[in-house]
Amino acid sequence: MYTAPLHIRRRMISAHLSKELRAKYKTRSMTLRKGDEVEVMRGKFKKRTGKVARINTKKYKAYVDGIMIKKTDGTERQVPLHPSKLKILNLELSDKKRLKALEEKTAKGAK
């Protein structure tokens, strides 16, 4: 896992879908993307929601808007979260390729 190239690592950064999305798209999980709305399921920030601000493929971490910690010098920074601790509530579907891939996955699951 830690020697994987970045294009393979990207696919490993995935999270479970909410029950509504799971029923709609007939799939359990999706690759996380910037703009997806997520809920934190574990840890200090449990049950907090926000949009994915950025993804760090090298460290397998996602950063969510509004989830910040205060440093000792008083500044705030975003908290890196592991994607397995997140649940996708709403997908960013502005990308045509992602929408097409989702439709193909749904059609494959319906068979």
PDB file of N, CA and C in Angstrom:
ATOM      1  N   MET A   1       0.816  -1.193   0.000  1.00  0.00           N
ATOM      2  CA  MET A   1       0.000   0.000   0.000  1.00  0.00           C
ATOM      3  C   MET A   1       0.872   1.274   0.000  1.00  0.00           C
ATOM      4  N   TYR A   2       1.913   1.270   0.783  1.00  0.00           N
ATOM      5  CA  TYR A   2       2.732   2.469   0.904  1.00  0.00           C
ATOM      6  C   TYR A   2       3.784   2.604  -0.192  1.00  0.00           C
ATOM      7  N   THR A   3       3.919   1.601  -1.043  1.00  0.00           N
ATOM      8  CA  THR A   3       4.822   1.723  -2.181  1.00  0.00           C
ATOM      9  C   THR A   3       4.035   1.903  -3.480  1.00  0.00           C
ATOM     10  N   ALA A   4       2.712   2.033  -3.376  1.00  0.00           N
ATOM     11  CA  ALA A   4       1.854   2.173  -4.556  1.00  0.00           C
ATOM     12  C   ALA A   4       2.067   3.527  -5.224  1.00  0.00           C
ATOM     13  N   PRO A   5       2.013   3.564  -6.565  1.00  0.00           N
ATOM     14  CA  PRO A   5       2.122   4.847  -7.257  1.00  0.00           C
ATOM     15  C   PRO A   5       0.864   5.693  -7.034  1.00  0.00           C
ATOM     16  N   LEU A   6       0.972   6.994  -7.274  1.00  0.00           N
ATOM     17  CA  LEU A   6      -0.115   7.921  -6.964  1.00  0.00           C
ATOM     18  C   LEU A   6      -1.417   7.614  -7.697  1.00  0.00           C
ATOM     19  N   HIS A   7      -1.356   7.146  -8.943  1.00  0.00           N
ATOM     20  CA  HIS A   7      -2.593   6.869  -9.670  1.00  0.00           C
ATOM     21  C   HIS A   7      -3.337   5.667  -9.092  1.00  0.00           C
ATOM     22  N   ILE A   8      -2.629   4.768  -8.420  1.00  0.00           N
ATOM     23  CA  ILE A   8      -3.269   3.648  -7.731  1.00  0.00           C
ATOM     24  C   ILE A   8      -3.754   4.098  -6.350  1.00  0.00           C
ATOM     25  N   ARG A   9      -2.969   4.930  -5.672  1.00  0.00           N
ATOM     26  CA  ARG A   9      -3.331   5.443  -4.348  1.00  0.00           C
ATOM     27  C   ARG A   9      -4.655   6.194  -4.391  1.00  0.00           C
ATOM     28  N   ARG A  10      -4.905   6.932  -5.464  1.00  0.00           N
ATOM     29  CA  ARG A  10      -6.126   7.717  -5.600  1.00  0.00           C
ATOM     30  C   ARG A  10      -7.361   6.849  -5.449  1.00  0.00           C
ATOM     31  N   ARG A  11      -7.310   5.655  -6.045  1.00  0.00           N
ATOM     32  CA  ARG A  11      -8.448   4.737  -5.965  1.00  0.00           C
ATOM     33  C   ARG A  11      -8.628   4.164  -4.565  1.00  0.00           C
ATOM     34  N   MET A  12      -7.543   4.106  -3.786  1.00  0.00           N
ATOM     35  CA  MET A  12      -7.618   3.568  -2.425  1.00  0.00           C
ATOM     36  C   MET A  12      -8.257   4.554  -1.452  1.00  0.00           C
ATOM     37  N   ILE A  13      -8.337   5.822  -1.853  1.00  0.00           N
ATOM     38  CA  ILE A  13      -8.932   6.836  -0.976  1.00  0.00           C
ATOM     39  C   ILE A  13     -10.428   6.867  -1.244  1.00  0.00           C
ATOM     40  N   SER A  14     -11.148   5.924  -0.654  1.00  0.00           N
ATOM     41  CA  SER A  14     -12.586   5.838  -0.859  1.00  0.00           C
ATOM     42  C   SER A  14     -13.303   5.751   0.479  1.00  0.00           C
ATOM     43  N   ALA A  15     -14.597   6.105   0.440  1.00  0.00           N
ATOM     44  CA  ALA A  15     -15.406   6.107   1.654  1.00  0.00           C
ATOM     45  C   ALA A  15     -16.766   5.482   1.352  1.00  0.00           C
ATOM     46  N   HIS A  16     -17.437   5.010   2.390  1.00  0.00           N
ATOM     47  CA  HIS A  16     -18.771   4.434   2.240  1.00  0.00           C
ATOM     48  C   HIS A  16     -19.779   5.516   1.867  1.00  0.00           C
ATOM     49  N   LEU A  17     -20.819   5.102   1.158  1.00  0.00           N
ATOM     50  CA  LEU A  17     -21.908   6.003   0.808  1.00  0.00           C
ATOM     51  C   LEU A  17     -22.989   5.932   1.883  1.00  0.00           C
ATOM     52  N   SER A  18     -23.796   6.986   1.994  1.00  0.00           N
ATOM     53  CA  SER A  18     -24.930   6.971   2.923  1.00  0.00           C
ATOM     54  C   SER A  18     -25.961   5.963   2.418  1.00  0.00           C
ATOM     55  N   LYS A  19     -26.922   5.605   3.260  1.00  0.00           N
ATOM     56  CA  LYS A  19     -27.925   4.597   2.884  1.00  0.00           C
ATOM     57  C   LYS A  19     -28.735   5.020   1.665  1.00  0.00           C
ATOM     58  N   GLU A  20     -29.053   6.328   1.571  1.00  0.00           N
ATOM     59  CA  GLU A  20     -29.839   6.828   0.435  1.00  0.00           C
ATOM     60  C   GLU A  20     -29.045   6.705  -0.867  1.00  0.00           C
ATOM     61  N   LEU A  21     -27.774   7.111  -0.828  1.00  0.00           N
ATOM     62  CA  LEU A  21     -26.927   7.013  -2.029  1.00  0.00           C
ATOM     63  C   LEU A  21     -26.653   5.561  -2.390  1.00  0.00           C
ATOM     64  N   ARG A  22     -26.507   4.721  -1.382  1.00  0.00           N
ATOM     65  CA  ARG A  22     -26.254   3.298  -1.622  1.00  0.00           C
ATOM     66  C   ARG A  22     -27.438   2.669  -2.349  1.00  0.00           C
ATOM     67  N   ALA A  23     -28.658   3.038  -1.941  1.00  0.00           N
ATOM     68  CA  ALA A  23     -29.862   2.506  -2.592  1.00  0.00           C
ATOM     69  C   ALA A  23     -30.000   3.057  -4.013  1.00  0.00           C
ATOM     70  N   LYS A  24     -29.667   4.326  -4.194  1.00  0.00           N
ATOM     71  CA  LYS A  24     -29.814   4.972  -5.496  1.00  0.00           C
ATOM     72  C   LYS A  24     -28.814   4.441  -6.518  1.00  0.00           C
ATOM     73  N   TYR A  25     -27.554   4.296  -6.117  1.00  0.00           N
ATOM     74  CA  TYR A  25     -26.495   3.920  -7.054  1.00  0.00           C
ATOM     75  C   TYR A  25     -26.095   2.449  -6.990  1.00  0.00           C
ATOM     76  N   LYS A  26     -26.688   1.683  -6.094  1.00  0.00           N
ATOM     77  CA  LYS A  26     -26.436   0.237  -5.973  1.00  0.00           C
ATOM     78  C   LYS A  26     -24.955  -0.090  -5.781  1.00  0.00           C
ATOM     79  N   THR A  27     -24.265   0.746  -5.005  1.00  0.00           N
ATOM     80  CA  THR A  27     -22.854   0.507  -4.712  1.00  0.00           C
ATOM     81  C   THR A  27     -22.561   0.946  -3.288  1.00  0.00           C
ATOM     82  N   ARG A  28     -21.612   0.301  -2.640  1.00  0.00           N
ATOM     83  CA  ARG A  28     -21.328   0.564  -1.228  1.00  0.00           C
ATOM     84  C   ARG A  28     -20.407   1.761  -1.020  1.00  0.00           C
ATOM     85  N   SER A  29     -19.392   1.907  -1.881  1.00  0.00           N
ATOM     86  CA  SER A  29     -18.405   2.973  -1.650  1.00  0.00           C
ATOM     87  C   SER A  29     -17.999   3.633  -2.959  1.00  0.00           C
ATOM     88  N   MET A  30     -17.407   4.816  -2.810  1.00  0.00           N
ATOM     89  CA  MET A  30     -16.927   5.587  -3.955  1.00  0.00           C
ATOM     90  C   MET A  30     -15.599   6.236  -3.588  1.00  0.00           C
ATOM     91  N   THR A  31     -14.812   6.550  -4.602  1.00  0.00           N
ATOM     92  CA  THR A  31     -13.571   7.286  -4.396  1.00  0.00           C
ATOM     93  C   THR A  31     -13.920   8.708  -3.967  1.00  0.00           C
ATOM     94  N   LEU A  32     -13.240   9.196  -2.943  1.00  0.00           N
ATOM     95  CA  LEU A  32     -13.487  10.553  -2.451  1.00  0.00           C
ATOM     96  C   LEU A  32     -12.940  11.580  -3.429  1.00  0.00           C
ATOM     97  N   ARG A  33     -13.645  12.699  -3.542  1.00  0.00           N
ATOM     98  CA  ARG A  33     -13.213  13.797  -4.401  1.00  0.00           C
ATOM     99  C   ARG A  33     -13.449  15.116  -3.698  1.00  0.00           C
ATOM    100  N   LYS A  34     -12.701  16.113  -4.097  1.00  0.00           N
ATOM    101  CA  LYS A  34     -12.898  17.466  -3.586  1.00  0.00           C
ATOM    102  C   LYS A  34     -14.320  17.900  -3.943  1.00  0.00           C
ATOM    103  N   GLY A  35     -15.038  18.421  -2.959  1.00  0.00           N
ATOM    104  CA  GLY A  35     -16.408  18.881  -3.199  1.00  0.00           C
ATOM    105  C   GLY A  35     -17.470  17.929  -2.692  1.00  0.00           C
ATOM    106  N   ASP A  36     -17.120  16.669  -2.419  1.00  0.00           N
ATOM    107  CA  ASP A  36     -18.083  15.723  -1.855  1.00  0.00           C
ATOM    108  C   ASP A  36     -18.462  16.169  -0.440  1.00  0.00           C
ATOM    109  N   GLU A  37     -19.730  16.019  -0.083  1.00  0.00           N
ATOM    110  CA  GLU A  37     -20.164  16.348   1.268  1.00  0.00           C
ATOM    111  C   GLU A  37     -20.060  15.071   2.099  1.00  0.00           C
ATOM    112  N   VAL A  38     -19.371  15.155   3.244  1.00  0.00           N
ATOM    113  CA  VAL A  38     -19.118  13.970   4.066  1.00  0.00           C
ATOM    114  C   VAL A  38     -19.496  14.209   5.525  1.00  0.00           C
ATOM    115  N   GLU A  39     -19.675  13.094   6.241  1.00  0.00           N
ATOM    116  CA  GLU A  39     -19.900  13.122   7.682  1.00  0.00           C
ATOM    117  C   GLU A  39     -18.786  12.321   8.331  1.00  0.00           C
ATOM    118  N   VAL A  40     -18.226  12.840   9.426  1.00  0.00           N
ATOM    119  CA  VAL A  40     -17.175  12.139  10.159  1.00  0.00           C
ATOM    120  C   VAL A  40     -17.854  11.104  11.054  1.00  0.00           C
ATOM    121  N   MET A  41     -17.389   9.853  10.973  1.00  0.00           N
ATOM    122  CA  MET A  41     -18.021   8.755  11.703  1.00  0.00           C
ATOM    123  C   MET A  41     -17.270   8.351  12.961  1.00  0.00           C
ATOM    124  N   ARG A  42     -15.995   8.695  13.085  1.00  0.00           N
ATOM    125  CA  ARG A  42     -15.185   8.276  14.229  1.00  0.00           C
ATOM    126  C   ARG A  42     -14.345   9.439  14.732  1.00  0.00           C
ATOM    127  N   GLY A  43     -13.950   9.351  16.001  1.00  0.00           N
ATOM    128  CA  GLY A  43     -12.984  10.289  16.548  1.00  0.00           C
ATOM    129  C   GLY A  43     -13.592  11.525  17.182  1.00  0.00           C
ATOM    130  N   LYS A  44     -12.741  12.486  17.423  1.00  0.00           N
ATOM    131  CA  LYS A  44     -13.086  13.725  18.118  1.00  0.00           C
ATOM    132  C   LYS A  44     -14.166  14.535  17.393  1.00  0.00           C
ATOM    133  N   PHE A  45     -14.193  14.446  16.073  1.00  0.00           N
ATOM    134  CA  PHE A  45     -15.118  15.252  15.270  1.00  0.00           C
ATOM    135  C   PHE A  45     -16.327  14.451  14.782  1.00  0.00           C
ATOM    136  N   LYS A  46     -16.673  13.384  15.489  1.00  0.00           N
ATOM    137  CA  LYS A  46     -17.786  12.503  15.124  1.00  0.00           C
ATOM    138  C   LYS A  46     -19.080  13.293  14.935  1.00  0.00           C
ATOM    139  N   LYS A  47     -19.836  12.920  13.893  1.00  0.00           N
ATOM    140  CA  LYS A  47     -21.128  13.509  13.522  1.00  0.00           C
ATOM    141  C   LYS A  47     -21.036  14.920  12.947  1.00  0.00           C
ATOM    142  N   ARG A  48     -19.835  15.427  12.696  1.00  0.00           N
ATOM    143  CA  ARG A  48     -19.679  16.738  12.047  1.00  0.00           C
ATOM    144  C   ARG A  48     -19.693  16.526  10.534  1.00  0.00           C
ATOM    145  N   THR A  49     -20.282  17.458   9.809  1.00  0.00           N
ATOM    146  CA  THR A  49     -20.356  17.344   8.355  1.00  0.00           C
ATOM    147  C   THR A  49     -19.672  18.527   7.696  1.00  0.00           C
ATOM    148  N   GLY A  50     -19.312  18.349   6.437  1.00  0.00           N
ATOM    149  CA  GLY A  50     -18.689  19.414   5.659  1.00  0.00           C
ATOM    150  C   GLY A  50     -18.280  18.898   4.292  1.00  0.00           C
ATOM    151  N   LYS A  51     -17.781  19.810   3.479  1.00  0.00           N
ATOM    152  CA  LYS A  51     -17.320  19.433   2.140  1.00  0.00           C
ATOM    153  C   LYS A  51     -15.834  19.130   2.179  1.00  0.00           C
ATOM    154  N   VAL A  52     -15.424  18.201   1.342  1.00  0.00           N
ATOM    155  CA  VAL A  52     -14.009  17.850   1.243  1.00  0.00           C
ATOM    156  C   VAL A  52     -13.281  19.025   0.595  1.00  0.00           C
ATOM    157  N   ALA A  53     -12.310  19.588   1.306  1.00  0.00           N
ATOM    158  CA  ALA A  53     -11.556  20.736   0.810  1.00  0.00           C
ATOM    159  C   ALA A  53     -10.403  20.292  -0.074  1.00  0.00           C
ATOM    160  N   ARG A  54      -9.710  19.236   0.346  1.00  0.00           N
ATOM    161  CA  ARG A  54      -8.603  18.705  -0.455  1.00  0.00           C
ATOM    162  C   ARG A  54      -8.310  17.274  -0.036  1.00  0.00           C
ATOM    163  N   ILE A  55      -7.582  16.579  -0.905  1.00  0.00           N
ATOM    164  CA  ILE A  55      -7.188  15.194  -0.677  1.00  0.00           C
ATOM    165  C   ILE A  55      -5.670  15.128  -0.785  1.00  0.00           C
ATOM    166  N   ASN A  56      -5.034  14.442   0.157  1.00  0.00           N
ATOM    167  CA  ASN A  56      -3.593  14.228   0.102  1.00  0.00           C
ATOM    168  C   ASN A  56      -3.362  12.755  -0.233  1.00  0.00           C
ATOM    169  N   THR A  57      -3.030  12.464  -1.495  1.00  0.00           N
ATOM    170  CA  THR A  57      -2.870  11.076  -1.917  1.00  0.00           C
ATOM    171  C   THR A  57      -1.605  10.441  -1.346  1.00  0.00           C
ATOM    172  N   LYS A  58      -0.589  11.247  -1.077  1.00  0.00           N
ATOM    173  CA  LYS A  58       0.643  10.676  -0.516  1.00  0.00           C
ATOM    174  C   LYS A  58       0.434  10.155   0.889  1.00  0.00           C
ATOM    175  N   LYS A  59      -0.364  10.861   1.682  1.00  0.00           N
ATOM    176  CA  LYS A  59      -0.571  10.469   3.070  1.00  0.00           C
ATOM    177  C   LYS A  59      -1.901   9.754   3.313  1.00  0.00           C
ATOM    178  N   TYR A  60      -2.706   9.521   2.245  1.00  0.00           N
ATOM    179  CA  TYR A  60      -4.025   8.884   2.370  1.00  0.00           C
ATOM    180  C   TYR A  60      -4.925   9.652   3.334  1.00  0.00           C
ATOM    181  N   LYS A  61      -5.005  10.969   3.188  1.00  0.00           N
ATOM    182  CA  LYS A  61      -5.806  11.793   4.091  1.00  0.00           C
ATOM    183  C   LYS A  61      -6.732  12.723   3.299  1.00  0.00           C
ATOM    184  N   ALA A  62      -7.875  13.062   3.931  1.00  0.00           N
ATOM    185  CA  ALA A  62      -8.820  14.020   3.378  1.00  0.00           C
ATOM    186  C   ALA A  62      -8.976  15.156   4.379  1.00  0.00           C
ATOM    187  N   TYR A  63      -9.159  16.364   3.869  1.00  0.00           N
ATOM    188  CA  TYR A  63      -9.342  17.538   4.703  1.00  0.00           C
ATOM    189  C   TYR A  63     -10.743  18.082   4.448  1.00  0.00           C
ATOM    190  N   VAL A  64     -11.516  18.288   5.530  1.00  0.00           N
ATOM    191  CA  VAL A  64     -12.912  18.698   5.420  1.00  0.00           C
ATOM    192  C   VAL A  64     -13.059  20.139   5.903  1.00  0.00           C
ATOM    193  N   ASP A  65     -13.831  20.936   5.144  1.00  0.00           N
ATOM    194  CA  ASP A  65     -14.100  22.325   5.543  1.00  0.00           C
ATOM    195  C   ASP A  65     -14.778  22.358   6.904  1.00  0.00           C
ATOM    196  N   GLY A  66     -14.345  23.256   7.764  1.00  0.00           N
ATOM    197  CA  GLY A  66     -14.977  23.439   9.065  1.00  0.00           C
ATOM    198  C   GLY A  66     -14.430  22.562  10.170  1.00  0.00           C
ATOM    199  N   ILE A  67     -13.597  21.601   9.847  1.00  0.00           N
ATOM    200  CA  ILE A  67     -13.004  20.743  10.871  1.00  0.00           C
ATOM    201  C   ILE A  67     -11.563  21.201  11.074  1.00  0.00           C
ATOM    202  N   MET A  68     -11.406  22.018  12.125  1.00  0.00           N
ATOM    203  CA  MET A  68     -10.126  22.675  12.385  1.00  0.00           C
ATOM    204  C   MET A  68      -9.694  22.403  13.823  1.00  0.00           C
ATOM    205  N   ILE A  69      -8.383  22.515  14.047  1.00  0.00           N
ATOM    206  CA  ILE A  69      -7.852  22.492  15.409  1.00  0.00           C
ATOM    207  C   ILE A  69      -7.044  23.766  15.606  1.00  0.00           C
ATOM    208  N   LYS A  70      -6.978  24.204  16.841  1.00  0.00           N
ATOM    209  CA  LYS A  70      -6.214  25.406  17.166  1.00  0.00           C
ATOM    210  C   LYS A  70      -4.824  24.989  17.603  1.00  0.00           C
ATOM    211  N   LYS A  71      -3.818  25.593  16.986  1.00  0.00           N
ATOM    212  CA  LYS A  71      -2.435  25.309  17.357  1.00  0.00           C
ATOM    213  C   LYS A  71      -2.051  26.151  18.570  1.00  0.00           C
ATOM    214  N   THR A  72      -0.909  25.824  19.177  1.00  0.00           N
ATOM    215  CA  THR A  72      -0.487  26.524  20.387  1.00  0.00           C
ATOM    216  C   THR A  72      -0.196  28.004  20.144  1.00  0.00           C
ATOM    217  N   ASP A  73       0.166  28.365  18.909  1.00  0.00           N
ATOM    218  CA  ASP A  73       0.426  29.785  18.625  1.00  0.00           C
ATOM    219  C   ASP A  73      -0.853  30.556  18.293  1.00  0.00           C
ATOM    220  N   GLY A  74      -2.005  29.875  18.365  1.00  0.00           N
ATOM    221  CA  GLY A  74      -3.293  30.539  18.153  1.00  0.00           C
ATOM    222  C   GLY A  74      -3.861  30.401  16.764  1.00  0.00           C
ATOM    223  N   THR A  75      -3.069  29.951  15.808  1.00  0.00           N
ATOM    224  CA  THR A  75      -3.579  29.782  14.449  1.00  0.00           C
ATOM    225  C   THR A  75      -4.368  28.493  14.342  1.00  0.00           C
ATOM    226  N   GLU A  76      -5.240  28.429  13.338  1.00  0.00           N
ATOM    227  CA  GLU A  76      -6.034  27.218  13.115  1.00  0.00           C
ATOM    228  C   GLU A  76      -5.550  26.525  11.857  1.00  0.00           C
ATOM    229  N   ARG A  77      -5.700  25.208  11.856  1.00  0.00           N
ATOM    230  CA  ARG A  77      -5.375  24.433  10.656  1.00  0.00           C
ATOM    231  C   ARG A  77      -6.369  23.301  10.515  1.00  0.00           C
ATOM    232  N   GLN A  78      -6.518  22.807   9.273  1.00  0.00           N
ATOM    233  CA  GLN A  78      -7.444  21.702   9.018  1.00  0.00           C
ATOM    234  C   GLN A  78      -6.872  20.399   9.548  1.00  0.00           C
ATOM    235  N   VAL A  79      -7.772  19.522   9.969  1.00  0.00           N
ATOM    236  CA  VAL A  79      -7.381  18.233  10.525  1.00  0.00           C
ATOM    237  C   VAL A  79      -7.379  17.189   9.406  1.00  0.00           C
ATOM    238  N   PRO A  80      -6.283  16.434   9.246  1.00  0.00           N
ATOM    239  CA  PRO A  80      -6.291  15.357   8.254  1.00  0.00           C
ATOM    240  C   PRO A  80      -7.089  14.168   8.779  1.00  0.00           C
ATOM    241  N   LEU A  81      -8.012  13.658   7.953  1.00  0.00           N
ATOM    242  CA  LEU A  81      -8.867  12.535   8.345  1.00  0.00           C
ATOM    243  C   LEU A  81      -8.662  11.382   7.377  1.00  0.00           C
ATOM    244  N   HIS A  82      -8.663  10.162   7.911  1.00  0.00           N
ATOM    245  CA  HIS A  82      -8.562   8.993   7.048  1.00  0.00           C
ATOM    246  C   HIS A  82      -9.916   8.766   6.381  1.00  0.00           C
ATOM    247  N   PRO A  83      -9.940   8.474   5.079  1.00  0.00           N
ATOM    248  CA  PRO A  83     -11.206   8.328   4.352  1.00  0.00           C
ATOM    249  C   PRO A  83     -12.122   7.228   4.888  1.00  0.00           C
ATOM    250  N   SER A  84     -11.570   6.210   5.530  1.00  0.00           N
ATOM    251  CA  SER A  84     -12.420   5.131   6.061  1.00  0.00           C
ATOM    252  C   SER A  84     -13.258   5.602   7.232  1.00  0.00           C
ATOM    253  N   LYS A  85     -12.916   6.746   7.805  1.00  0.00           N
ATOM    254  CA  LYS A  85     -13.660   7.303   8.931  1.00  0.00           C
ATOM    255  C   LYS A  85     -14.744   8.277   8.468  1.00  0.00           C
ATOM    256  N   LEU A  86     -14.918   8.407   7.153  1.00  0.00           N
ATOM    257  CA  LEU A  86     -15.888   9.337   6.593  1.00  0.00           C
ATOM    258  C   LEU A  86     -17.010   8.594   5.886  1.00  0.00           C
ATOM    259  N   LYS A  87     -18.190   9.216   5.833  1.00  0.00           N
ATOM    260  CA  LYS A  87     -19.327   8.680   5.079  1.00  0.00           C
ATOM    261  C   LYS A  87     -19.773   9.759   4.107  1.00  0.00           C
ATOM    262  N   ILE A  88     -19.910   9.408   2.844  1.00  0.00           N
ATOM    263  CA  ILE A  88     -20.307  10.370   1.822  1.00  0.00           C
ATOM    264  C   ILE A  88     -21.814  10.584   1.888  1.00  0.00           C
ATOM    265  N   LEU A  89     -22.225  11.845   2.067  1.00  0.00           N
ATOM    266  CA  LEU A  89     -23.642  12.197   2.128  1.00  0.00           C
ATOM    267  C   LEU A  89     -24.143  12.721   0.786  1.00  0.00           C
ATOM    268  N   ASN A  90     -23.270  13.393   0.043  1.00  0.00           N
ATOM    269  CA  ASN A  90     -23.657  13.991  -1.223  1.00  0.00           C
ATOM    270  C   ASN A  90     -22.452  13.971  -2.158  1.00  0.00           C
ATOM    271  N   LEU A  91     -22.644  13.530  -3.385  1.00  0.00           N
ATOM    272  CA  LEU A  91     -21.542  13.423  -4.349  1.00  0.00           C
ATOM    273  C   LEU A  91     -21.418  14.678  -5.194  1.00  0.00           C
ATOM    274  N   GLU A  92     -20.202  15.038  -5.546  1.00  0.00           N
ATOM    275  CA  GLU A  92     -19.920  16.123  -6.479  1.00  0.00           C
ATOM    276  C   GLU A  92     -20.015  15.521  -7.883  1.00  0.00           C
ATOM    277  N   LEU A  93     -21.065  15.877  -8.621  1.00  0.00           N
ATOM    278  CA  LEU A  93     -21.320  15.249  -9.920  1.00  0.00           C
ATOM    279  C   LEU A  93     -21.135  16.200 -11.102  1.00  0.00           C
ATOM    280  N   SER A  94     -20.340  17.258 -10.929  1.00  0.00           N
ATOM    281  CA  SER A  94     -20.121  18.191 -12.032  1.00  0.00           C
ATOM    282  C   SER A  94     -19.207  17.597 -13.109  1.00  0.00           C
ATOM    283  N   ASP A  95     -18.418  16.577 -12.743  1.00  0.00           N
ATOM    284  CA  ASP A  95     -17.511  15.925 -13.690  1.00  0.00           C
ATOM    285  C   ASP A  95     -18.272  14.871 -14.495  1.00  0.00           C
ATOM    286  N   LYS A  96     -18.265  15.013 -15.820  1.00  0.00           N
ATOM    287  CA  LYS A  96     -19.013  14.096 -16.691  1.00  0.00           C
ATOM    288  C   LYS A  96     -18.462  12.670 -16.628  1.00  0.00           C
ATOM    289  N   LYS A  97     -17.130  12.536 -16.489  1.00  0.00           N
ATOM    290  CA  LYS A  97     -16.516  11.199 -16.420  1.00  0.00           C
ATOM    291  C   LYS A  97     -16.975  10.454 -15.170  1.00  0.00           C
ATOM    292  N   ARG A  98     -17.045  11.166 -14.050  1.00  0.00           N
ATOM    293  CA  ARG A  98     -17.464  10.538 -12.797  1.00  0.00           C
ATOM    294  C   ARG A  98     -18.932  10.116 -12.886  1.00  0.00           C
ATOM    295  N   LEU A  99     -19.754  10.957 -13.477  1.00  0.00           N
ATOM    296  CA  LEU A  99     -21.172  10.656 -13.640  1.00  0.00           C
ATOM    297  C   LEU A  99     -21.356   9.422 -14.518  1.00  0.00           C
ATOM    298  N   LYS A 100     -20.587   9.343 -15.603  1.00  0.00           N
ATOM    299  CA  LYS A 100     -20.673   8.201 -16.518  1.00  0.00           C
ATOM    300  C   LYS A 100     -20.221   6.916 -15.815  1.00  0.00           C
ATOM    301  N   ALA A 101     -19.135   6.998 -15.052  1.00  0.00           N
ATOM    302  CA  ALA A 101     -18.634   5.834 -14.323  1.00  0.00           C
ATOM    303  C   ALA A 101     -19.657   5.352 -13.296  1.00  0.00           C
ATOM    304  N   LEU A 102     -20.333   6.291 -12.661  1.00  0.00           N
ATOM    305  CA  LEU A 102     -21.354   5.959 -11.672  1.00  0.00           C
ATOM    306  C   LEU A 102     -22.548   5.278 -12.328  1.00  0.00           C
ATOM    307  N   GLU A 103     -22.952   5.773 -13.498  1.00  0.00           N
ATOM    308  CA  GLU A 103     -24.059   5.164 -14.225  1.00  0.00           C
ATOM    309  C   GLU A 103     -23.724   3.745 -14.678  1.00  0.00           C
ATOM    310  N   GLU A 104     -22.483   3.535 -15.135  1.00  0.00           N
ATOM    311  CA  GLU A 104     -22.049   2.206 -15.550  1.00  0.00           C
ATOM    312  C   GLU A 104     -22.038   1.247 -14.361  1.00  0.00           C
ATOM    313  N   LYS A 105     -21.575   1.756 -13.206  1.00  0.00           N
ATOM    314  CA  LYS A 105     -21.540   0.950 -11.993  1.00  0.00           C
ATOM    315  C   LYS A 105     -22.955   0.573 -11.554  1.00  0.00           C
ATOM    316  N   THR A 106     -23.889   1.525 -11.678  1.00  0.00           N
ATOM    317  CA  THR A 106     -25.286   1.289 -11.315  1.00  0.00           C
ATOM    318  C   THR A 106     -25.905   0.244 -12.250  1.00  0.00           C
ATOM    319  N   ALA A 107     -25.644   0.364 -13.540  1.00  0.00           N
ATOM    320  CA  ALA A 107     -26.177  -0.597 -14.517  1.00  0.00           C
ATOM    321  C   ALA A 107     -25.608  -1.991 -14.266  1.00  0.00           C
ATOM    322  N   LYS A 108     -24.334  -2.045 -13.909  1.00  0.00           N
ATOM    323  CA  LYS A 108     -23.682  -3.336 -13.624  1.00  0.00           C
ATOM    324  C   LYS A 108     -24.284  -3.971 -12.361  1.00  0.00           C
ATOM    325  N   GLY A 109     -24.601  -3.145 -11.360  1.00  0.00           N
ATOM    326  CA  GLY A 109     -25.180  -3.636 -10.100  1.00  0.00           C
ATOM    327  C   GLY A 109     -26.618  -4.091 -10.271  1.00  0.00           C
ATOM    328  N   ALA A 110     -27.334  -3.546 -11.270  1.00  0.00           N
ATOM    329  CA  ALA A 110     -28.746  -3.889 -11.496  1.00  0.00           C
ATOM    330  C   ALA A 110     -28.911  -5.246 -12.185  1.00  0.00           C
ATOM    331  N   LYS A 111     -27.840  -5.719 -12.838  1.00  0.00           N
ATOM    332  CA  LYS A 111     -27.923  -7.006 -13.561  1.00  0.00           C
ATOM    333  C   LYS A 111     -28.107  -8.178 -12.653  1.00  0.00           C
TER     334      LYS A 111
END
